[in-house]
Protein backbone atom coordinates (compact mmCIF):
# COMPACT_ATOMS: atom_id res chain seq x y z
CA UNK A 1 1.31 32.18 11.99
CA UNK A 2 2.73 29.65 9.46
CA UNK A 3 0.67 26.87 8.40
CA UNK A 4 1.64 23.21 9.18
CA UNK A 5 3.43 21.41 6.32
CA UNK A 6 1.18 19.27 4.19
CA UNK A 7 1.42 15.63 4.95
CA UNK A 8 3.43 13.56 2.40
CA UNK A 9 1.21 11.20 0.64
CA UNK A 10 2.36 7.61 0.21
CA UNK A 11 3.23 6.58 -3.27
CA UNK A 12 0.45 4.69 -5.17
CA UNK A 13 0.56 1.05 -4.96
CA UNK A 14 0.74 0.60 -8.67
CA UNK A 15 4.05 2.50 -8.66
CA UNK A 16 5.48 0.45 -5.82
CA UNK A 17 4.43 -2.79 -7.85
CA UNK A 18 6.19 -1.54 -10.99
CA UNK A 19 9.41 -0.69 -9.27
CA UNK A 20 9.15 -3.85 -7.17
CA UNK A 21 8.82 -5.94 -10.41
CA UNK A 22 11.92 -4.15 -11.83
CA UNK A 23 13.85 -5.04 -8.65
CA UNK A 24 12.78 -8.68 -8.93
CA UNK A 25 13.85 -8.79 -12.57
CA UNK A 26 17.17 -7.33 -11.77
CA UNK A 27 17.72 -10.09 -9.26
CA UNK A 28 16.62 -12.69 -11.84
CA UNK A 29 19.19 -11.12 -14.21
CA UNK A 30 22.00 -11.63 -11.58
CA UNK A 31 22.13 -8.14 -9.94
CA UNK A 32 22.28 -7.39 -6.24
CA UNK A 33 19.09 -6.17 -4.69
CA UNK A 34 21.07 -3.81 -2.45
CA UNK A 35 22.74 -2.16 -5.51
CA UNK A 36 19.50 -1.83 -7.23
CA UNK A 37 17.67 -0.33 -4.34
CA UNK A 38 20.49 2.31 -4.00
CA UNK A 39 19.37 3.62 -7.52
CA UNK A 40 15.64 3.39 -6.70
CA UNK A 41 13.93 6.85 -6.32
CA UNK A 42 14.28 7.82 -2.67
CA UNK A 43 10.49 8.54 -2.23
CA UNK A 44 9.52 4.96 -3.11
CA UNK A 45 12.54 3.09 -1.77
CA UNK A 46 11.27 1.94 1.55
CA UNK A 47 8.04 0.71 0.16
CA UNK A 48 9.77 -1.02 -2.75
CA UNK A 49 12.32 -2.65 -0.46
CA UNK A 50 9.57 -4.02 1.79
CA UNK A 51 7.59 -5.36 -1.16
CA UNK A 52 10.62 -6.81 -2.98
CA UNK A 53 11.80 -8.60 0.21
CA UNK A 54 8.36 -10.27 0.52
CA UNK A 55 8.34 -11.30 -3.19
CA UNK A 56 11.94 -12.74 -3.14
CA UNK A 57 11.03 -14.85 -0.08
CA UNK A 58 8.18 -16.27 -2.23
CA UNK A 59 9.90 -16.22 -5.60
CA UNK A 60 10.06 -19.99 -6.03
CA UNK A 61 6.34 -20.43 -5.45
CA UNK A 62 5.42 -17.41 -7.51
CA UNK A 63 7.36 -18.66 -10.52
CA UNK A 64 5.82 -21.97 -10.28
CA UNK A 65 2.38 -20.52 -10.20
CA UNK A 66 3.02 -18.35 -13.24
CA UNK A 67 4.33 -21.34 -15.14
CA UNK A 68 1.05 -23.18 -14.47
CA UNK A 69 -1.19 -20.27 -15.12
CA UNK A 70 0.68 -19.12 -18.26
CA UNK A 71 2.90 -21.81 -19.63
CA UNK A 72 4.24 -19.57 -22.45
CA UNK A 73 6.20 -16.87 -20.56
CA UNK A 74 5.23 -13.35 -21.41
CA UNK A 75 7.91 -10.56 -21.95
CA UNK A 76 10.37 -10.29 -19.11
CA UNK A 77 8.96 -7.12 -17.61
CA UNK A 78 5.38 -8.38 -17.71
CA UNK A 79 6.52 -11.71 -16.37
CA UNK A 80 8.25 -10.00 -13.27
CA UNK A 81 5.15 -7.97 -12.66
CA UNK A 82 3.00 -11.06 -12.72
CA UNK A 83 5.43 -13.02 -10.44
CA UNK A 84 5.41 -9.96 -8.11
CA UNK A 85 1.70 -9.90 -7.89
CA UNK A 86 1.37 -13.67 -7.39
CA UNK A 87 3.84 -13.63 -4.57
CA UNK A 88 1.89 -10.93 -2.77
CA UNK A 89 -1.40 -12.75 -3.34
CA UNK A 90 -0.06 -15.83 -1.71
CA UNK A 91 -2.25 -16.85 1.24
CA UNK A 92 -1.53 -14.56 4.23
CA UNK A 93 1.26 -12.61 2.54
CA UNK A 94 -0.17 -9.24 1.61
CA UNK A 95 -1.37 -6.29 3.62
CA UNK A 96 -3.57 -5.12 0.70
CA UNK A 97 -7.04 -6.48 -0.21
CA UNK A 98 -7.05 -8.94 -3.21
CA UNK A 99 -9.18 -6.58 -5.26
CA UNK A 100 -6.93 -3.63 -4.69
CA UNK A 101 -3.81 -5.62 -5.47
CA UNK A 102 -5.11 -6.92 -8.73
CA UNK A 103 -6.46 -3.63 -9.88
CA UNK A 104 -3.15 -1.89 -9.00
CA UNK A 105 -1.16 -4.66 -10.72
CA UNK A 106 -3.27 -4.24 -13.87
CA UNK A 107 -2.78 -0.35 -13.74
CA UNK A 108 1.09 -1.00 -13.47
CA UNK A 109 0.85 -3.29 -16.58
CA UNK A 110 -1.20 -0.79 -18.48
CA UNK A 111 1.45 1.87 -17.95
CA UNK A 112 4.51 -0.27 -18.83
CA UNK A 113 2.84 -2.51 -21.56
CA UNK A 114 -0.68 -1.53 -22.35
CA UNK A 115 -1.45 -4.55 -24.42
CA UNK A 116 -0.61 -6.86 -21.56
CA UNK A 117 -3.10 -5.40 -19.00
CA UNK A 118 -5.95 -7.79 -20.03
CA UNK A 119 -3.55 -10.71 -19.77
CA UNK A 120 -2.31 -9.77 -16.43
CA UNK A 121 -5.90 -9.17 -15.17
CA UNK A 122 -6.96 -12.63 -16.43
CA UNK A 123 -4.10 -14.61 -14.89
CA UNK A 124 -4.42 -12.86 -11.52
CA UNK A 125 -8.23 -13.35 -11.32
CA UNK A 126 -7.94 -17.03 -12.36
CA UNK A 127 -5.32 -17.43 -9.63
CA UNK A 128 -7.76 -16.07 -7.02
CA UNK A 129 -10.49 -18.35 -8.23
CA UNK A 130 -8.36 -21.49 -8.12
CA UNK A 131 -5.95 -20.45 -5.45
CA UNK A 132 -6.39 -23.21 -2.98
CA UNK A 133 -5.95 -25.98 -5.57
CA UNK A 134 -2.97 -24.26 -7.32
CA UNK A 135 -1.12 -23.55 -4.04
CA UNK A 136 -1.53 -27.15 -2.90
CA UNK A 137 -0.41 -28.47 -6.20
CA UNK A 138 2.85 -26.45 -6.42
CA UNK A 139 3.71 -27.23 -2.78
CA UNK A 140 3.20 -30.89 -3.41
CA UNK A 141 4.97 -31.23 -6.68
CA UNK A 142 7.80 -28.51 -6.74
CA UNK A 143 10.39 -28.47 -3.95
CA UNK A 144 11.57 -24.98 -5.17
CA UNK A 145 8.12 -23.64 -4.71
CA UNK A 146 7.69 -25.45 -1.37
CA UNK A 147 10.94 -24.11 0.18
CA UNK A 148 11.52 -21.04 -2.08
CA UNK A 149 15.20 -21.85 -2.41
CA UNK A 150 17.09 -23.36 -5.40
CA UNK A 151 17.20 -27.15 -5.39
CA UNK A 152 21.04 -27.29 -5.26
CA UNK A 153 20.88 -25.09 -2.03
CA UNK A 154 18.29 -27.48 -0.46
CA UNK A 155 20.55 -30.46 -1.33
CA UNK A 156 23.63 -28.85 0.23
CA UNK A 157 21.79 -28.06 3.50
CA UNK A 158 20.35 -31.56 3.59
CA UNK A 159 23.90 -32.98 3.19
CA UNK A 160 25.38 -30.69 5.69
CA UNK A 161 22.52 -30.60 8.35
CA UNK A 162 20.39 -33.73 7.86
CA UNK A 163 18.40 -33.06 11.06
CA UNK A 164 18.05 -29.26 10.58
CA UNK A 165 17.85 -28.52 6.83
CA UNK A 166 14.13 -27.94 6.68
CA UNK A 167 14.28 -25.68 9.77
CA UNK A 168 17.11 -23.63 8.20
CA UNK A 169 15.06 -23.08 5.06
CA UNK A 170 12.03 -22.09 7.17
CA UNK A 171 14.25 -19.68 9.18
CA UNK A 172 15.24 -17.85 6.02
CA UNK A 173 11.65 -16.93 5.32
CA UNK A 174 11.30 -15.02 8.62
CA UNK A 175 11.98 -11.36 9.03
CA UNK A 176 15.19 -10.84 11.10
CA UNK A 177 15.48 -8.81 14.24
CA UNK A 178 17.20 -5.53 14.27
CA UNK A 179 20.11 -5.65 16.80
CA UNK A 180 22.27 -2.88 18.10
CA UNK A 181 25.78 -2.80 19.52
CA UNK A 182 26.17 -0.25 22.32
CA UNK A 183 29.29 1.67 22.49
CA UNK A 184 30.66 1.27 25.96
CA UNK A 185 32.39 4.73 25.84
CA UNK A 186 28.92 6.29 26.13
CA UNK A 187 27.32 4.00 28.74
CA UNK A 188 26.46 0.31 29.31
CA UNK A 189 23.65 -1.83 27.92
CA UNK A 190 21.07 -1.13 30.73
CA UNK A 191 21.46 2.61 30.47
CA UNK A 192 21.01 2.52 26.69
CA UNK A 193 17.96 0.32 27.01
CA UNK A 194 16.52 3.04 29.32
CA UNK A 195 17.26 5.73 26.77
CA UNK A 196 15.39 3.69 24.08
CA UNK A 197 12.34 3.40 26.37
CA UNK A 198 12.35 7.13 26.93
CA UNK A 199 11.75 7.64 23.19
CA UNK A 200 9.25 4.88 22.94
CA UNK A 201 11.49 2.11 21.52
CA UNK A 202 11.05 -1.26 23.18
CA UNK A 203 14.25 -3.52 23.27
CA UNK A 204 15.76 -6.29 25.30
CA UNK A 205 19.28 -7.72 25.90
CA UNK A 206 20.41 -10.30 23.37
CA UNK A 207 21.69 -12.56 25.98
CA UNK A 208 24.74 -13.24 28.36
CA UNK A 209 27.21 -13.70 25.43
CA UNK A 210 26.53 -10.23 24.17
CA UNK A 211 27.13 -7.51 26.89
CA UNK A 212 26.67 -4.81 24.30
CA UNK A 213 23.72 -6.11 22.22
CA UNK A 214 20.09 -4.93 22.24
CA UNK A 215 17.40 -6.48 20.24
CA UNK A 216 14.59 -4.13 19.11
CA UNK A 217 11.09 -5.31 19.21
CA UNK A 218 10.68 -3.76 15.67
CA UNK A 219 13.09 -2.14 13.19
CA UNK A 220 13.56 1.57 13.37
CA UNK A 221 15.39 4.11 11.18
CA UNK A 222 18.91 4.46 12.57
CA UNK A 223 18.55 8.25 13.00
CA UNK A 224 15.55 7.64 15.36
CA UNK A 225 18.03 5.93 17.78
CA UNK A 226 19.31 8.01 20.62
CA UNK A 227 22.81 9.24 19.95
CA UNK A 228 23.33 7.17 16.79
CA UNK A 229 24.96 10.04 14.92
CA UNK A 230 27.22 10.68 17.83
CA UNK A 231 28.38 6.98 17.86
CA UNK A 232 26.50 5.80 20.92
CA UNK A 233 25.24 2.69 18.98
CA UNK A 234 25.67 0.76 15.82
CA UNK A 235 23.57 -1.75 13.92
CA UNK A 236 25.12 -5.17 14.01
CA UNK A 237 23.83 -8.78 14.18
CA UNK A 238 24.45 -10.71 17.44
CA UNK A 239 26.48 -13.33 15.58
CA UNK A 240 28.82 -10.63 14.06
CA UNK A 241 29.27 -9.17 17.54
CA UNK A 242 31.15 -12.39 18.64
CA UNK A 243 34.10 -11.73 16.36
CA UNK A 244 35.76 -9.06 18.43
CA UNK A 245 35.51 -10.75 21.86
CA UNK A 246 36.76 -14.10 20.31
CA UNK A 247 39.85 -12.49 18.71
CA UNK A 248 40.77 -10.10 21.52
CA UNK A 249 40.42 -12.76 24.24
CA UNK A 250 37.25 -11.68 26.03
CA UNK A 251 35.90 -15.15 25.59
CA UNK A 252 37.90 -17.90 27.04
CA UNK A 253 38.51 -21.24 25.37
CA UNK A 254 37.44 -24.40 27.20
CA UNK A 255 40.55 -26.39 26.09
CA UNK A 256 43.18 -24.55 28.11
CA UNK A 257 46.08 -26.82 29.12
CA UNK A 258 47.05 -27.08 32.84
CA UNK A 259 48.86 -23.82 33.78
CA UNK A 260 47.94 -22.20 30.40
CA UNK A 261 46.53 -18.61 30.92
CA UNK A 262 44.29 -16.77 28.61
CA UNK A 263 43.91 -12.97 28.49
CA UNK A 264 42.92 -9.96 26.44
CA UNK A 265 45.43 -8.67 23.87
CA UNK A 266 47.61 -5.97 25.35
CA UNK A 267 47.27 -2.28 24.53
CA UNK A 268 49.26 -1.45 21.36
CA UNK A 269 48.72 -4.97 19.93
CA UNK A 270 49.13 -4.97 16.16
CA UNK A 271 45.85 -6.27 14.63
CA UNK A 272 44.81 -6.91 11.06
CA UNK A 273 41.23 -6.88 9.79
CA UNK A 274 41.85 -8.41 6.46
CA UNK A 275 38.51 -8.12 4.75
CA UNK A 276 37.06 -5.27 6.68
CA UNK A 277 34.22 -3.54 4.79
CA UNK A 278 31.73 -2.35 5.87
CA UNK A 279 33.59 -2.07 9.15
CA UNK A 280 31.29 -3.22 11.95
CA UNK A 281 33.79 -5.73 13.30
CA UNK A 282 36.65 -3.25 12.71
CA UNK A 283 35.03 -0.76 14.97
CA UNK A 284 34.00 -3.32 17.56
CA UNK A 285 37.62 -4.50 18.00
CA UNK A 286 38.66 -0.81 18.87
CA UNK A 287 35.63 -0.36 21.09
CA UNK A 288 36.47 -3.44 23.21
CA UNK A 289 40.14 -2.45 23.25
CA UNK A 290 39.51 1.06 24.36
CA UNK A 291 40.70 2.39 21.02
CA UNK A 292 44.15 1.09 21.90
CA UNK A 293 44.91 -1.21 19.01
CA UNK A 294 47.49 -0.62 16.30
CA UNK A 295 44.78 -1.65 13.80
CA UNK A 296 45.05 -2.06 9.98
CA UNK A 297 41.81 -2.46 8.06
CA UNK A 298 42.10 -3.83 4.52
CA UNK A 299 39.55 -4.52 1.80
CA UNK A 300 39.97 -5.08 -1.95
CA UNK A 301 36.98 -2.94 -2.71
CA UNK A 302 37.82 0.65 -2.32
CA UNK A 303 34.27 1.88 -2.68
CA UNK A 304 33.14 -0.32 0.16
CA UNK A 305 36.17 0.68 2.16
CA UNK A 306 34.66 4.15 2.49
CA UNK A 307 32.12 2.65 4.83
CA UNK A 308 34.87 1.50 7.17
CA UNK A 309 36.34 5.00 7.38
CA UNK A 310 32.80 6.43 7.94
CA UNK A 311 32.13 3.97 10.68
CA UNK A 312 35.45 4.65 12.52
CA UNK A 313 34.86 8.40 12.19
CA UNK A 314 31.29 8.29 13.52
CA UNK A 315 32.47 6.24 16.54
CA UNK A 316 35.69 8.41 17.02
CA UNK A 317 37.91 5.36 16.65
CA UNK A 318 41.46 4.96 15.27
CA UNK A 319 42.58 2.79 12.49
CA UNK A 320 44.58 2.73 9.26
CA UNK A 321 42.30 1.97 6.31
CA UNK A 322 43.88 0.74 3.02
CA UNK A 323 42.60 -0.67 -0.23
CA UNK A 324 44.42 -3.95 -0.97
CA UNK A 325 43.91 -7.56 -1.69
CA UNK A 326 44.98 -9.37 1.45
CA UNK A 327 46.16 -12.35 -0.61
CA UNK A 328 48.75 -10.11 -2.34
CA UNK A 329 50.83 -9.62 0.79
CA UNK A 330 53.71 -8.23 -1.15
CA UNK A 331 51.69 -5.18 -2.20
CA UNK A 332 50.85 -4.04 1.29
CA UNK A 333 52.54 -5.78 4.19
CA UNK A 334 55.48 -3.91 5.82
CA UNK A 335 57.10 -7.08 7.19
CA UNK A 336 56.09 -6.55 10.76
CA UNK A 337 54.07 -9.51 12.05
CA UNK A 338 50.59 -9.18 13.64
CA UNK A 339 49.54 -10.24 17.06
CA UNK A 340 46.13 -11.06 15.81
CA UNK A 341 44.29 -11.33 12.49
CA UNK A 342 40.60 -11.25 11.70
CA UNK A 343 39.71 -12.90 8.42
CA UNK A 344 36.06 -12.32 7.68
CA UNK A 345 36.38 -14.14 4.36
CA UNK A 346 34.18 -13.67 1.25
CA UNK A 347 31.58 -16.29 1.29
CA UNK A 348 28.16 -17.47 -0.07
CA UNK A 349 26.34 -15.37 2.60
CA UNK A 350 24.07 -18.39 3.10
CA UNK A 351 23.76 -17.62 6.81
CA UNK A 352 22.20 -14.08 6.28
CA UNK A 353 19.51 -14.93 3.73
CA UNK A 354 16.75 -13.63 5.90
CA UNK A 355 18.36 -10.13 5.69
CA UNK A 356 19.27 -10.60 2.04
CA UNK A 357 16.63 -12.61 0.40
CA UNK A 358 18.06 -12.16 -3.04
CA UNK A 359 21.23 -14.12 -2.14
CA UNK A 360 19.67 -17.55 -2.61
CA UNK A 361 18.64 -16.57 -6.15
CA UNK A 362 22.02 -14.94 -7.04
CA UNK A 363 24.19 -17.83 -5.98
CA UNK A 364 24.99 -20.76 -8.11
CA UNK A 365 26.24 -24.19 -7.04
CA UNK A 366 29.53 -23.56 -8.69
CA UNK A 367 30.09 -20.54 -6.47
CA UNK A 368 30.77 -22.62 -3.38
CA UNK A 369 33.92 -24.34 -4.46
CA UNK A 370 35.11 -21.04 -6.12
CA UNK A 371 34.70 -19.13 -2.80
CA UNK A 372 36.21 -21.99 -0.91
CA UNK A 373 39.33 -21.59 -3.06
CA UNK A 374 39.50 -17.78 -2.24
CA UNK A 375 39.12 -18.59 1.40
CA UNK A 376 41.78 -21.17 1.34
CA UNK A 377 44.14 -18.65 -0.44
CA UNK A 378 43.49 -15.99 2.09
CA UNK A 379 44.17 -18.36 5.01
CA UNK A 380 47.37 -19.62 3.54
CA UNK A 381 48.59 -16.06 2.59
CA UNK A 382 47.94 -14.53 6.07
CA UNK A 383 49.05 -17.29 8.37
CA UNK A 384 52.81 -16.53 7.83
CA UNK A 385 52.11 -12.83 8.87
CA UNK A 386 51.05 -13.95 12.37
CA UNK A 387 53.53 -13.87 15.29
CA UNK A 388 54.35 -17.17 17.12
CA UNK A 389 51.64 -17.55 19.71
CA UNK A 390 49.38 -15.14 17.76
CA UNK A 391 45.69 -15.62 17.01
CA UNK A 392 43.73 -15.72 13.65
CA UNK A 393 39.97 -15.68 13.69
CA UNK A 394 38.35 -17.22 10.66
CA UNK A 395 34.78 -16.21 10.07
CA UNK A 396 32.23 -16.56 7.44
CA UNK A 397 28.55 -15.66 7.36
CA UNK A 398 27.72 -19.02 5.92
CA UNK A 399 26.00 -22.35 7.12
CA UNK A 400 27.66 -24.45 4.39
CA UNK A 401 30.27 -26.66 5.96
CA UNK A 402 32.49 -26.27 2.86
CA UNK A 403 33.03 -22.66 3.93
CA UNK A 404 33.28 -23.50 7.59
CA UNK A 405 34.47 -26.69 9.40
CA UNK A 406 35.59 -28.38 6.20
CA UNK A 407 37.75 -25.43 5.32
CA UNK A 408 39.29 -25.38 8.82
CA UNK A 409 39.88 -29.18 8.95
CA UNK A 410 41.81 -28.91 5.65
CA UNK A 411 43.86 -25.83 7.01
CA UNK A 412 44.93 -27.78 10.11
CA UNK A 413 46.05 -30.67 7.93
CA UNK A 414 48.20 -28.24 5.92
CA UNK A 415 49.69 -26.32 8.89
CA UNK A 416 51.13 -28.25 11.72
CA UNK A 417 51.90 -25.11 13.73
CA UNK A 418 48.13 -24.28 13.95
CA UNK A 419 45.82 -25.23 16.69
CA UNK A 420 41.96 -24.62 16.67
CA UNK A 421 40.87 -23.42 20.07
CA UNK A 422 37.62 -24.91 21.40
CA UNK A 423 34.72 -22.84 22.83
CA UNK A 424 31.58 -24.02 24.68
CA UNK A 425 29.61 -21.36 22.89
CA UNK A 426 30.17 -18.60 20.26
CA UNK A 427 32.28 -20.58 17.81
CA UNK A 428 31.96 -23.40 15.26
CA UNK A 429 28.88 -23.39 13.03
CA UNK A 430 26.21 -20.98 14.50
CA UNK A 431 22.75 -21.79 12.91
CA UNK A 432 19.92 -19.23 12.89
CA UNK A 433 17.57 -21.50 14.65
CA UNK A 434 15.45 -20.71 17.85
CA UNK A 435 16.64 -23.83 19.59
CA UNK A 436 20.34 -23.03 19.03
CA UNK A 437 22.16 -23.11 22.35
CA UNK A 438 23.04 -19.42 21.88
CA UNK A 439 19.41 -18.43 22.21
CA UNK A 440 17.46 -17.86 25.44
CA UNK A 441 13.84 -19.21 25.81
CA UNK A 442 12.51 -15.70 25.54
CA UNK A 443 13.37 -15.41 21.89
CA UNK A 444 10.38 -17.39 20.83
CA UNK A 445 10.58 -18.97 17.49
CA UNK A 446 12.90 -16.38 15.94
CA UNK A 447 16.58 -16.84 16.49
CA UNK A 448 18.52 -13.70 17.59
CA UNK A 449 21.53 -14.59 15.53
CA UNK A 450 22.37 -15.08 11.84
CA UNK A 451 24.15 -18.13 10.53
CA UNK A 452 27.83 -17.80 11.04
CA UNK A 453 31.02 -19.82 11.33
CA UNK A 454 34.02 -18.94 13.65
CA UNK A 455 37.27 -20.77 14.15
CA UNK A 456 39.94 -19.31 16.40
CA UNK A 457 43.39 -20.54 15.26
CA UNK A 458 46.45 -20.09 17.43
CA UNK A 459 49.99 -20.35 16.12
CA UNK A 460 52.49 -22.41 18.13
CA UNK A 461 54.65 -20.31 20.30
CA UNK A 462 57.70 -22.19 18.93
CA UNK A 463 56.74 -21.52 15.28
């Protein structure tokens, strides 16, 4: 009889702290956390991701605390370790005892910079002795510490959403739900919810706007989901799941003229997904259309475009995938107009900060006008490719109006043959707040959706 495999021991905390500090320092140097985690050793990656997410949500406060406790900044790697430990020692933030966390942080310091171990120990123990007063001081005197977002970000939210800016900042501090999109080829939402219950995974419908969406009570590895590898479900936020029904016609505008009809795109319709990677919306279009679209998926990043092909293959869906900059239409367009275009434009990602807590620290105020210029160029380049009467769905995962309503207002001024269709729900600026009209009362204080903006533009039939 063979013996049972020995249990895999968890990595020691000092190792997670060291890698977590490196992740935080990488973000402070301008690198994407996602890219850094992809290079992190696999055996520590889950723990480091959880730890670094927590730290980045508290980075403003932790940096303010370090500046008070040690006004002369230590070397970068020691500073990152100190900031990491201070964030985890914030009241109510860590799952470890204070004594354990301090000892393990000192061990991490001893291994990376032996001379700094005593300094790290002294700073952390002083913080624990004076924690109540220090926390009160930084919260009172430093808005970056109080809200854990750069000051320019807070100011832009306050300008755009004067009644909601603080709630939006608070929402970014919460952990997001894990939401699935159920592939209708393999059964409906109630049937998949039953399959989840059979394997001990609790989930609920996202709400009436999302007939394919299930929200898990707690995140799970994708390969633990029934039929995931066979394409029975995909991970996709509820806001992102609105793109396909809006473009294809499953959601009806509320501004229909007398006698005007509205219907789904016909089988064989020619559709462009202009900035397709990683491919969730691309696949959803074909799922809703019964795999019947003549679909072209473009993306300027050939590496990220591989994810689009992988998604389509896993879900057994058709579509042409091509690496190209959608703005350079002469390099890829064959001259045949499209019935519908999805433009999920590059943006600040200010609506998905709770999923990507590094975004707030990576962005600069100057990025917003630069991104708005790219969005403008994409809109103007793609609009002539649309058939008369055709639809273009403009989307960004942003809550900044410069990337949403302001962008579309300016577009409509430039293009007299464009009309922005009006929807009671599911379009315009979608804010990740619990009292958003998209959310049902059962969702409690955590909104189901990320922040998004949608505008469905229709070209005049006489264009």
